C-alpha atoms as a PDB file:
ATOM      1  CA  MET A   1     -23.268   9.647  -2.119  1.00  0.00           C
ATOM      2  CA  ASN A   2     -24.917   6.649  -3.801  1.00  0.00           C
ATOM      3  CA  LYS A   3     -23.471   3.416  -2.380  1.00  0.00           C
ATOM      4  CA  LYS A   4     -22.975   1.767  -5.790  1.00  0.00           C
ATOM      5  CA  ARG A   5     -21.172   4.817  -7.130  1.00  0.00           C
ATOM      6  CA  ALA A   6     -18.946   4.979  -4.074  1.00  0.00           C
ATOM      7  CA  THR A   7     -18.114   1.289  -4.501  1.00  0.00           C
ATOM      8  CA  LEU A   8     -17.158   1.843  -8.154  1.00  0.00           C
ATOM      9  CA  ILE A   9     -14.912   4.717  -7.133  1.00  0.00           C
ATOM     10  CA  GLY A  10     -13.268   2.418  -4.588  1.00  0.00           C
ATOM     11  CA  LEU A  11     -12.666  -0.209  -7.290  1.00  0.00           C
ATOM     12  CA  ILE A  12     -10.933   2.413  -9.440  1.00  0.00           C
ATOM     13  CA  ALA A  13      -8.610   3.035  -6.498  1.00  0.00           C
ATOM     14  CA  ILE A  14      -7.549  -0.613  -6.558  1.00  0.00           C
ATOM     15  CA  VAL A  15      -6.558  -0.347 -10.226  1.00  0.00           C
ATOM     16  CA  LEU A  16      -4.597   2.846  -9.572  1.00  0.00           C
ATOM     17  CA  TRP A  17      -2.877   1.291  -6.566  1.00  0.00           C
ATOM     18  CA  SER A  18      -1.753  -1.632  -8.676  1.00  0.00           C
ATOM     19  CA  THR A  19       0.547   0.693 -10.612  1.00  0.00           C
ATOM     20  CA  MET A  20       2.268   2.068  -7.519  1.00  0.00           C
ATOM     21  CA  VAL A  21       4.976  -0.514  -6.855  1.00  0.00           C
ATOM     22  CA  GLY A  22       6.511  -0.301 -10.308  1.00  0.00           C
ATOM     23  CA  LEU A  23       6.141   3.466 -10.656  1.00  0.00           C
ATOM     24  CA  ILE A  24       7.504   4.400  -7.210  1.00  0.00           C
ATOM     25  CA  ARG A  25      10.525   2.180  -7.777  1.00  0.00           C
ATOM     26  CA  ALA A  26      11.106   3.660 -11.239  1.00  0.00           C
ATOM     27  CA  VAL A  27      10.970   7.226  -9.888  1.00  0.00           C
ATOM     28  CA  SER A  28      13.280   6.390  -6.967  1.00  0.00           C
ATOM     29  CA  GLU A  29      15.928   5.062  -9.367  1.00  0.00           C
ATOM     30  CA  GLY A  30      16.205   8.524 -10.902  1.00  0.00           C
ATOM     31  CA  LEU A  31      15.496  10.822  -7.969  1.00  0.00           C
ATOM     32  CA  GLY A  32      16.546   8.700  -4.991  1.00  0.00           C
ATOM     33  CA  ALA A  33      14.441   6.872  -2.414  1.00  0.00           C
ATOM     34  CA  VAL A  34      13.706   9.921  -0.234  1.00  0.00           C
ATOM     35  CA  GLY A  35      13.880  12.664  -2.870  1.00  0.00           C
ATOM     36  CA  GLY A  36      11.735  10.710  -5.305  1.00  0.00           C
ATOM     37  CA  ALA A  37       9.110   9.985  -2.655  1.00  0.00           C
ATOM     38  CA  ALA A  38       9.097  13.640  -1.548  1.00  0.00           C
ATOM     39  CA  MET A  39       8.498  14.762  -5.128  1.00  0.00           C
ATOM     40  CA  ILE A  40       5.718  12.193  -5.626  1.00  0.00           C
ATOM     41  CA  TYR A  41       3.785  13.184  -2.511  1.00  0.00           C
ATOM     42  CA  THR A  42       4.295  16.903  -3.095  1.00  0.00           C
ATOM     43  CA  LEU A  43       2.891  16.760  -6.629  1.00  0.00           C
ATOM     44  CA  SER A  44       0.106  14.442  -5.519  1.00  0.00           C
ATOM     45  CA  GLY A  45      -0.852  16.784  -2.681  1.00  0.00           C
ATOM     46  CA  ILE A  46      -0.888  19.827  -4.985  1.00  0.00           C
ATOM     47  CA  LEU A  47      -3.019  17.921  -7.481  1.00  0.00           C
ATOM     48  CA  LEU A  48      -5.553  17.039  -4.782  1.00  0.00           C
ATOM     49  CA  VAL A  49      -5.705  20.624  -3.503  1.00  0.00           C
ATOM     50  CA  LEU A  50      -6.469  21.843  -7.035  1.00  0.00           C
ATOM     51  CA  THR A  51      -9.084  19.177  -7.774  1.00  0.00           C
ATOM     52  CA  VAL A  52     -10.604  17.916  -4.530  1.00  0.00           C
ATOM     53  CA  GLY A  53      -9.760  20.941  -2.394  1.00  0.00           C
ATOM     54  CA  PHE A  54      -8.367  21.247   1.119  1.00  0.00           C
ATOM     55  CA  PRO A  55     -10.657  19.869   3.829  1.00  0.00           C
ATOM     56  CA  ASP A  56     -12.034  21.870   6.733  1.00  0.00           C
ATOM     57  CA  ILE A  57     -10.121  20.066   9.457  1.00  0.00           C
ATOM     58  CA  ARG A  58     -12.033  21.940  12.169  1.00  0.00           C
ATOM     59  CA  ARG A  59     -14.948  19.606  11.488  1.00  0.00           C
ATOM     60  CA  PHE A  60     -12.873  16.435  11.723  1.00  0.00           C
ATOM     61  CA  PRO A  61     -13.260  14.168  14.758  1.00  0.00           C
ATOM     62  CA  ARG A  62     -10.116  14.661  16.789  1.00  0.00           C
ATOM     63  CA  GLY A  63      -9.428  10.952  17.069  1.00  0.00           C
ATOM     64  CA  TYR A  64      -9.490  10.531  13.290  1.00  0.00           C
ATOM     65  CA  LEU A  65      -7.429  13.668  12.696  1.00  0.00           C
ATOM     66  CA  LEU A  66      -4.686  12.622  15.095  1.00  0.00           C
ATOM     67  CA  ALA A  67      -4.569   8.859  14.679  1.00  0.00           C
ATOM     68  CA  GLY A  68      -5.413   8.933  10.968  1.00  0.00           C
ATOM     69  CA  SER A  69      -2.698  11.425  10.075  1.00  0.00           C
ATOM     70  CA  ILE A  70       0.002   9.636  12.089  1.00  0.00           C
ATOM     71  CA  LEU A  71      -0.883   6.197  10.731  1.00  0.00           C
ATOM     72  CA  PHE A  72      -1.166   7.415   7.143  1.00  0.00           C
ATOM     73  CA  VAL A  73       2.163   9.258   7.181  1.00  0.00           C
ATOM     74  CA  CYS A  74       3.939   6.327   8.817  1.00  0.00           C
ATOM     75  CA  TYR A  75       2.513   3.883   6.289  1.00  0.00           C
ATOM     76  CA  GLU A  76       3.459   5.997   3.288  1.00  0.00           C
ATOM     77  CA  LEU A  77       6.988   6.383   4.586  1.00  0.00           C
ATOM     78  CA  CYS A  78       7.230   2.619   5.004  1.00  0.00           C
ATOM     79  CA  LEU A  79       5.849   1.925   1.532  1.00  0.00           C
ATOM     80  CA  ALA A  80       7.824   4.471  -0.469  1.00  0.00           C
ATOM     81  CA  LEU A  81      11.136   3.949   1.321  1.00  0.00           C
ATOM     82  CA  SER A  82      10.865   0.151   1.301  1.00  0.00           C
ATOM     83  CA  LEU A  83      10.541   0.234  -2.485  1.00  0.00           C
ATOM     84  CA  GLY A  84      13.267   2.841  -2.914  1.00  0.00           C
ATOM     85  CA  TYR A  85      15.755   1.111  -0.615  1.00  0.00           C
ATOM     86  CA  ALA A  86      15.303  -2.346  -2.167  1.00  0.00           C
ATOM     87  CA  GLY A  87      18.574  -3.666  -3.558  1.00  0.00           C
ATOM     88  CA  THR A  88      17.188  -4.687  -6.956  1.00  0.00           C
ATOM     89  CA  ARG A  89      14.039  -4.313  -9.026  1.00  0.00           C
ATOM     90  CA  GLN A  90      13.176  -7.928  -8.275  1.00  0.00           C
ATOM     91  CA  GLN A  91      13.426  -7.207  -4.557  1.00  0.00           C
ATOM     92  CA  ALA A  92      11.252  -4.120  -4.972  1.00  0.00           C
ATOM     93  CA  ILE A  93       8.463  -6.293  -6.387  1.00  0.00           C
ATOM     94  CA  GLU A  94       8.967  -8.806  -3.554  1.00  0.00           C
ATOM     95  CA  VAL A  95       8.776  -5.951  -1.057  1.00  0.00           C
ATOM     96  CA  GLY A  96       5.491  -4.928  -2.638  1.00  0.00           C
ATOM     97  CA  MET A  97       4.206  -8.463  -2.062  1.00  0.00           C
ATOM     98  CA  VAL A  98       5.159  -8.297   1.632  1.00  0.00           C
ATOM     99  CA  ASN A  99       3.193  -5.065   1.883  1.00  0.00           C
ATOM    100  CA  TYR A 100       0.131  -6.867   0.505  1.00  0.00           C
ATOM    101  CA  LEU A 101      -0.305  -8.708   3.748  1.00  0.00           C
ATOM    102  CA  TRP A 102      -2.443  -5.711   4.705  1.00  0.00           C
ATOM    103  CA  PRO A 103      -5.811  -7.100   3.472  1.00  0.00           C
ATOM    104  CA  SER A 104      -5.488 -10.096   5.792  1.00  0.00           C
ATOM    105  CA  MET A 105      -4.245  -7.871   8.593  1.00  0.00           C
ATOM    106  CA  THR A 106      -7.234  -5.559   8.074  1.00  0.00           C
ATOM    107  CA  ILE A 107      -9.598  -8.480   8.657  1.00  0.00           C
ATOM    108  CA  LEU A 108      -7.605  -9.463  11.743  1.00  0.00           C
ATOM    109  CA  PHE A 109      -7.774  -5.919  13.127  1.00  0.00           C
ATOM    110  CA  ALA A 110     -11.523  -5.741  12.442  1.00  0.00           C
ATOM    111  CA  ILE A 111     -11.944  -8.921  14.503  1.00  0.00           C
ATOM    112  CA  LEU A 112      -9.726  -7.740  17.343  1.00  0.00           C
ATOM    113  CA  PHE A 113     -10.792  -4.092  17.610  1.00  0.00           C
ATOM    114  CA  ASN A 114     -14.147  -3.637  15.870  1.00  0.00           C
ATOM    115  CA  GLY A 115     -15.892  -6.777  17.071  1.00  0.00           C
ATOM    116  CA  GLN A 116     -16.148  -8.330  13.617  1.00  0.00           C
ATOM    117  CA  LYS A 117     -17.575 -11.841  13.916  1.00  0.00           C
ATOM    118  CA  THR A 118     -15.769 -14.613  12.110  1.00  0.00           C
ATOM    119  CA  THR A 119     -15.359 -18.365  11.754  1.00  0.00           C
ATOM    120  CA  PHE A 120     -12.421 -20.697  12.200  1.00  0.00           C
ATOM    121  CA  TRP A 121     -11.520 -20.304   8.496  1.00  0.00           C
ATOM    122  CA  VAL A 122      -9.874 -16.975   9.190  1.00  0.00           C
ATOM    123  CA  VAL A 123      -6.956 -18.859  10.784  1.00  0.00           C
ATOM    124  CA  PRO A 124      -5.974 -20.930   7.715  1.00  0.00           C
ATOM    125  CA  GLY A 125      -6.584 -17.799   5.624  1.00  0.00           C
ATOM    126  CA  LEU A 126      -4.027 -15.812   7.591  1.00  0.00           C
ATOM    127  CA  LEU A 127      -1.572 -18.719   7.539  1.00  0.00           C
ATOM    128  CA  LEU A 128      -1.965 -19.135   3.777  1.00  0.00           C
ATOM    129  CA  ALA A 129      -1.305 -15.437   3.143  1.00  0.00           C
ATOM    130  CA  ILE A 130       1.827 -15.538   5.293  1.00  0.00           C
ATOM    131  CA  ALA A 131       2.926 -18.758   3.585  1.00  0.00           C
ATOM    132  CA  GLY A 132       2.472 -17.053   0.207  1.00  0.00           C
ATOM    133  CA  VAL A 133       4.786 -14.203   1.180  1.00  0.00           C
ATOM    134  CA  SER A 134       7.302 -16.732   2.490  1.00  0.00           C
ATOM    135  CA  TRP A 135       7.044 -18.626  -0.799  1.00  0.00           C
ATOM    136  CA  VAL A 136       7.846 -15.428  -2.707  1.00  0.00           C
ATOM    137  CA  LEU A 137      10.821 -14.631  -0.486  1.00  0.00           C
ATOM    138  CA  GLY A 138      12.166 -18.174  -0.772  1.00  0.00           C
ATOM    139  CA  GLY A 139      12.742 -17.804  -4.517  1.00  0.00           C
ATOM    140  CA  GLU A 140      12.828 -20.891  -6.726  1.00  0.00           C
ATOM    141  CA  GLN A 141      12.924 -23.203  -3.697  1.00  0.00           C
ATOM    142  CA  GLY A 142       9.601 -21.994  -2.312  1.00  0.00           C
ATOM    143  CA  ILE A 143       9.474 -21.980   1.489  1.00  0.00           C
ATOM    144  CA  ASN A 144      13.151 -22.465   2.239  1.00  0.00           C
ATOM    145  CA  LEU A 145      14.153 -20.888   5.549  1.00  0.00           C
ATOM    146  CA  HIS A 146      17.803 -20.475   4.581  1.00  0.00           C
ATOM    147  CA  ASP A 147      17.013 -18.754   1.272  1.00  0.00           C
ATOM    148  CA  ILE A 148      14.348 -16.580   2.914  1.00  0.00           C
ATOM    149  CA  ARG A 149      16.820 -15.499   5.579  1.00  0.00           C
ATOM    150  CA  GLN A 150      19.535 -14.708   3.034  1.00  0.00           C
ATOM    151  CA  ASN A 151      17.114 -12.775   0.870  1.00  0.00           C
ATOM    152  CA  VAL A 152      15.781 -10.678   3.750  1.00  0.00           C
ATOM    153  CA  LEU A 153      19.270 -10.011   5.145  1.00  0.00           C
ATOM    154  CA  SER A 154      20.409  -8.712   1.767  1.00  0.00           C
ATOM    155  CA  SER A 155      18.015  -5.771   2.212  1.00  0.00           C
ATOM    156  CA  PRO A 156      16.714  -5.905   5.806  1.00  0.00           C
ATOM    157  CA  LEU A 157      15.501  -2.303   6.056  1.00  0.00           C
ATOM    158  CA  SER A 158      13.427  -2.612   2.915  1.00  0.00           C
ATOM    159  CA  TYR A 159      11.673  -5.841   3.920  1.00  0.00           C
ATOM    160  CA  SER A 160      11.172  -4.675   7.506  1.00  0.00           C
ATOM    161  CA  LEU A 161       9.533  -1.417   6.418  1.00  0.00           C
ATOM    162  CA  ALA A 162       7.173  -3.285   4.094  1.00  0.00           C
ATOM    163  CA  PHE A 163       6.179  -5.746   6.834  1.00  0.00           C
ATOM    164  CA  ILE A 164       5.579  -3.006   9.397  1.00  0.00           C
ATOM    165  CA  GLY A 165       3.669  -1.012   6.799  1.00  0.00           C
ATOM    166  CA  ALA A 166       1.174  -3.828   6.282  1.00  0.00           C
ATOM    167  CA  PHE A 167       0.152  -3.629   9.952  1.00  0.00           C
ATOM    168  CA  ILE A 168       0.053   0.175   9.932  1.00  0.00           C
ATOM    169  CA  TRP A 169      -2.259   0.306   6.914  1.00  0.00           C
ATOM    170  CA  ALA A 170      -4.570  -2.250   8.492  1.00  0.00           C
ATOM    171  CA  ALA A 171      -4.715  -0.005  11.559  1.00  0.00           C
ATOM    172  CA  TYR A 172      -5.413   3.042   9.388  1.00  0.00           C
ATOM    173  CA  CYS A 173      -8.340   1.314   7.671  1.00  0.00           C
ATOM    174  CA  THR A 174      -9.722   0.291  11.071  1.00  0.00           C
ATOM    175  CA  VAL A 175      -9.401   3.807  12.516  1.00  0.00           C
ATOM    176  CA  THR A 176     -10.926   5.432   9.428  1.00  0.00           C
ATOM    177  CA  ARG A 177     -13.935   3.157   9.448  1.00  0.00           C
ATOM    178  CA  LYS A 178     -14.525   3.602  13.179  1.00  0.00           C
ATOM    179  CA  TYR A 179     -13.764   7.279  13.812  1.00  0.00           C
ATOM    180  CA  ALA A 180     -13.851   9.272  10.551  1.00  0.00           C
ATOM    181  CA  LYS A 181     -17.656   9.732  10.552  1.00  0.00           C
ATOM    182  CA  GLY A 182     -17.674  10.726   6.893  1.00  0.00           C
ATOM    183  CA  SER A 183     -14.564  12.937   7.045  1.00  0.00           C
ATOM    184  CA  ASN A 184     -11.951  12.617   4.313  1.00  0.00           C
ATOM    185  CA  GLY A 185      -8.526  13.914   5.260  1.00  0.00           C
ATOM    186  CA  ILE A 186      -6.565  12.380   2.407  1.00  0.00           C
ATOM    187  CA  THR A 187      -5.346  15.725   1.015  1.00  0.00           C
ATOM    188  CA  LEU A 188      -4.046  16.810   4.405  1.00  0.00           C
ATOM    189  CA  PHE A 189      -2.449  13.426   5.045  1.00  0.00           C
ATOM    190  CA  ILE A 190      -0.588  13.374   1.729  1.00  0.00           C
ATOM    191  CA  LEU A 191       0.714  16.919   2.283  1.00  0.00           C
ATOM    192  CA  LEU A 192       1.896  15.918   5.764  1.00  0.00           C
ATOM    193  CA  THR A 193       3.688  12.932   4.222  1.00  0.00           C
ATOM    194  CA  ALA A 194       5.388  15.217   1.689  1.00  0.00           C
ATOM    195  CA  ALA A 195       6.495  17.608   4.434  1.00  0.00           C
ATOM    196  CA  THR A 196       7.907  14.747   6.515  1.00  0.00           C
ATOM    197  CA  LEU A 197       9.861  13.404   3.530  1.00  0.00           C
ATOM    198  CA  TRP A 198      11.327  16.829   2.713  1.00  0.00           C
ATOM    199  CA  VAL A 199      12.483  17.195   6.327  1.00  0.00           C
ATOM    200  CA  LYS A 200      14.188  13.796   6.072  1.00  0.00           C
ATOM    201  CA  PHE A 201      15.686  14.773   2.727  1.00  0.00           C
ATOM    202  CA  LEU A 202      17.148  18.020   4.086  1.00  0.00           C
ATOM    203  CA  LEU A 203      18.538  16.396   7.241  1.00  0.00           C
ATOM    204  CA  SER A 204      20.402  13.555   5.511  1.00  0.00           C
ATOM    205  CA  ASP A 205      22.855  13.052   2.668  1.00  0.00           C
ATOM    206  CA  HIS A 206      21.519  11.933  -0.691  1.00  0.00           C
ATOM    207  CA  PRO A 207      22.864  11.743  -4.243  1.00  0.00           C
ATOM    208  CA  PRO A 208      21.634  14.497  -6.570  1.00  0.00           C
ATOM    209  CA  MET A 209      18.325  13.937  -8.343  1.00  0.00           C
ATOM    210  CA  GLN A 210      18.734  12.865 -11.971  1.00  0.00           C
ATOM    211  CA  PHE A 211      15.812  14.268 -13.932  1.00  0.00           C
ATOM    212  CA  SER A 212      15.048  12.897 -17.378  1.00  0.00           C
ATOM    213  CA  VAL A 213      11.991  12.784 -19.624  1.00  0.00           C
ATOM    214  CA  PRO A 214      11.108   9.152 -18.685  1.00  0.00           C
ATOM    215  CA  VAL A 215      11.532   9.897 -14.971  1.00  0.00           C
ATOM    216  CA  VAL A 216       9.397  13.052 -15.162  1.00  0.00           C
ATOM    217  CA  ILE A 217       6.640  11.169 -17.007  1.00  0.00           C
ATOM    218  CA  LYS A 218       6.673   8.378 -14.424  1.00  0.00           C
ATOM    219  CA  LEU A 219       6.725  10.959 -11.624  1.00  0.00           C
ATOM    220  CA  ALA A 220       3.571  12.592 -13.020  1.00  0.00           C
ATOM    221  CA  LEU A 221       1.832   9.240 -13.468  1.00  0.00           C
ATOM    222  CA  THR A 222       2.738   8.176  -9.934  1.00  0.00           C
ATOM    223  CA  ALA A 223       1.467  11.424  -8.422  1.00  0.00           C
ATOM    224  CA  ILE A 224      -1.835  11.058 -10.277  1.00  0.00           C
ATOM    225  CA  ALA A 225      -2.247   7.391  -9.327  1.00  0.00           C
ATOM    226  CA  LEU A 226      -1.346   8.071  -5.693  1.00  0.00           C
ATOM    227  CA  GLY A 227      -3.533  11.100  -5.131  1.00  0.00           C
ATOM    228  CA  PHE A 228      -6.650   9.945  -6.916  1.00  0.00           C
ATOM    229  CA  GLY A 229      -6.144   6.362  -5.751  1.00  0.00           C
ATOM    230  CA  TYR A 230      -6.269   7.230  -2.068  1.00  0.00           C
ATOM    231  CA  ALA A 231      -9.027   9.798  -2.518  1.00  0.00           C
ATOM    232  CA  ALA A 232     -11.099   7.154  -4.292  1.00  0.00           C
ATOM    233  CA  TRP A 233     -10.320   4.524  -1.649  1.00  0.00           C
ATOM    234  CA  ASN A 234     -11.367   6.783   1.200  1.00  0.00           C
ATOM    235  CA  THR A 235     -14.638   7.494  -0.603  1.00  0.00           C
ATOM    236  CA  GLY A 236     -15.168   3.777  -1.110  1.00  0.00           C
ATOM    237  CA  ILE A 237     -14.544   2.672   2.465  1.00  0.00           C
ATOM    238  CA  LEU A 238     -16.590   5.538   3.894  1.00  0.00           C
ATOM    239  CA  HIS A 239     -19.650   5.296   1.638  1.00  0.00           C
ATOM    240  CA  GLY A 240     -19.426   2.080  -0.423  1.00  0.00           C
ATOM    241  CA  HIS A 241     -19.781  -1.673   0.030  1.00  0.00           C
ATOM    242  CA  VAL A 242     -16.733  -2.435   2.156  1.00  0.00           C
ATOM    243  CA  ALA A 243     -17.074  -6.201   1.698  1.00  0.00           C
ATOM    244  CA  VAL A 244     -16.997  -5.857  -2.097  1.00  0.00           C
ATOM    245  CA  LEU A 245     -13.996  -3.538  -1.972  1.00  0.00           C
ATOM    246  CA  ALA A 246     -12.191  -5.860   0.422  1.00  0.00           C
ATOM    247  CA  ALA A 247     -12.775  -8.875  -1.819  1.00  0.00           C
ATOM    248  CA  ALA A 248     -11.593  -6.999  -4.920  1.00  0.00           C
ATOM    249  CA  SER A 249      -8.525  -5.633  -3.143  1.00  0.00           C
ATOM    250  CA  TYR A 250      -7.339  -9.162  -2.451  1.00  0.00           C
ATOM    251  CA  PHE A 251      -6.483  -9.565  -6.136  1.00  0.00           C
ATOM    252  CA  THR A 252      -4.234  -6.493  -6.066  1.00  0.00           C
ATOM    253  CA  PRO A 253      -1.000  -8.450  -5.384  1.00  0.00           C
ATOM    254  CA  VAL A 254      -1.231 -10.294  -8.700  1.00  0.00           C
ATOM    255  CA  LEU A 255      -2.242  -7.234 -10.745  1.00  0.00           C
ATOM    256  CA  SER A 256       0.366  -5.061  -9.034  1.00  0.00           C
ATOM    257  CA  SER A 257       3.143  -7.590  -9.617  1.00  0.00           C
ATOM    258  CA  ALA A 258       2.217  -7.970 -13.281  1.00  0.00           C
ATOM    259  CA  LEU A 259       2.245  -4.211 -13.862  1.00  0.00           C
ATOM    260  CA  ALA A 260       5.478  -3.769 -11.888  1.00  0.00           C
ATOM    261  CA  ALA A 261       7.168  -6.493 -13.935  1.00  0.00           C
ATOM    262  CA  VAL A 262       6.237  -4.594 -17.104  1.00  0.00           C
ATOM    263  CA  VAL A 263       7.211  -1.134 -15.830  1.00  0.00           C
ATOM    264  CA  LEU A 264      10.529  -2.330 -14.392  1.00  0.00           C
ATOM    265  CA  ASN A 265      11.263  -4.907 -17.095  1.00  0.00           C
ATOM    266  CA  ALA A 266      11.807  -7.507 -14.365  1.00  0.00           C
ATOM    267  CA  PRO A 267      10.538 -10.987 -15.333  1.00  0.00           C
ATOM    268  CA  LEU A 268       9.141 -12.939 -12.395  1.00  0.00           C
ATOM    269  CA  SER A 269       9.611 -16.647 -11.731  1.00  0.00           C
ATOM    270  CA  PHE A 270       6.861 -19.259 -11.609  1.00  0.00           C
ATOM    271  CA  SER A 271       7.435 -19.664  -7.867  1.00  0.00           C
ATOM    272  CA  PHE A 272       6.820 -15.937  -7.390  1.00  0.00           C
ATOM    273  CA  TRP A 273       3.410 -16.231  -9.048  1.00  0.00           C
ATOM    274  CA  GLN A 274       2.628 -19.270  -6.932  1.00  0.00           C
ATOM    275  CA  GLY A 275       3.293 -17.212  -3.812  1.00  0.00           C
ATOM    276  CA  ALA A 276       1.302 -14.257  -5.144  1.00  0.00           C
ATOM    277  CA  PHE A 277      -1.771 -16.397  -5.734  1.00  0.00           C
ATOM    278  CA  MET A 278      -1.363 -17.924  -2.277  1.00  0.00           C
ATOM    279  CA  VAL A 279      -1.475 -14.413  -0.781  1.00  0.00           C
ATOM    280  CA  CYS A 280      -4.643 -13.674  -2.759  1.00  0.00           C
ATOM    281  CA  ALA A 281      -6.245 -16.984  -1.756  1.00  0.00           C
ATOM    282  CA  GLY A 282      -5.392 -16.473   1.908  1.00  0.00           C
ATOM    283  CA  SER A 283      -6.862 -12.973   1.902  1.00  0.00           C
ATOM    284  CA  LEU A 284     -10.017 -14.190   0.182  1.00  0.00           C
ATOM    285  CA  LEU A 285     -10.381 -16.970   2.730  1.00  0.00           C
ATOM    286  CA  CYS A 286     -10.141 -14.417   5.533  1.00  0.00           C
ATOM    287  CA  TRP A 287     -12.848 -12.372   3.848  1.00  0.00           C
ATOM    288  CA  TRP A 288     -15.028 -15.440   3.365  1.00  0.00           C
ATOM    289  CA  ALA A 289     -14.692 -16.299   7.053  1.00  0.00           C
ATOM    290  CA  THR A 290     -16.307 -12.971   7.980  1.00  0.00           C
ATOM    291  CA  ARG A 291     -18.771 -12.588   5.094  1.00  0.00           C
ATOM    292  CA  ASP A 292     -21.782 -14.433   6.502  1.00  0.00           C
ATOM    293  CA  THR A 293     -21.215 -13.801  10.213  1.00  0.00           C
END
C-alpha cells in the first residue's frame, strides 16, 4: 500500500477514536458497563467481518498472534470498563484523559524495547504529560494532592483501569510494530474482546439493558467508529509514516474531550482544558525528542 495513503487512513483513525470516550459512556448508561461494551465489540466485530473479512491467522507470526491478542483484549477491557464504571460523566471524560497517557508511554516503550534513540527532552515531556493528567484530576485547584486523592478514591477502579490501559496500549503498539510483519489481526482481536466481555456478563450480576432509539443510534455509531478506527490505525502503523501519525495522535486528548463534552452534555472547566493541553504538549515534546535522532 502507498505510504501516503496508509498515513491518511491512520489519520482518519484518530478522528474516529476521538468520538469513543463520549459514545462508549453514553452506551454504557443505557446498557450497562459490561453489557454495553459487549454489544459494541460484537457489532464492531461483525461489521469488520462483513467489510474487511476474517484474517488467515495461520499466516500470522506466533508472537504477534499471542501477545497482540492478549494485549489488545486487555486494553479494550480497561478502556470500556473504565468509562462505564466512572461515577459521573465528568469522571468518564477525566478517565479518558488518563488513558491518553499512552502516546507518551509508546515513546517510552520504543526507547526501552525497540532501541529508539532520543534526547534528554523526552524526560520533561513525560513529566509534563503526567503533570497534565494530575492537573485534570485536581479539578479547579490544579495539582492539589488532596483533591486528586479524593477524586481518584471516589472511583478507584475506573481510574486504575484507565491508567493500566495506557501502558497496555503502548505495549500493543510496540509489539505490533516489531512482530506483526504486515499482519493485521484487528478483526480477530475485536471478536476475542467481545467474547471475553460476554463471558464476564454471563458470570456476573448486571441490571437489565435499557434499549431506546438514542442508545441504539449511539451503539451503532460506536461500533462503526471502533471497528473502522482500529482497522485504519493498524494500517497506518504498519504501512504509513509512524512519526506523522504519532504527532497527530498527540492532539487526540483535546479533540476527544471536546466531542465527549458535546455528546454527554458535560461542560468542562478551564483547569481541565489546561491539563488537556499539557498532556498534548508533553506528548509532542516526547515525539520531538526522538524525531531527529
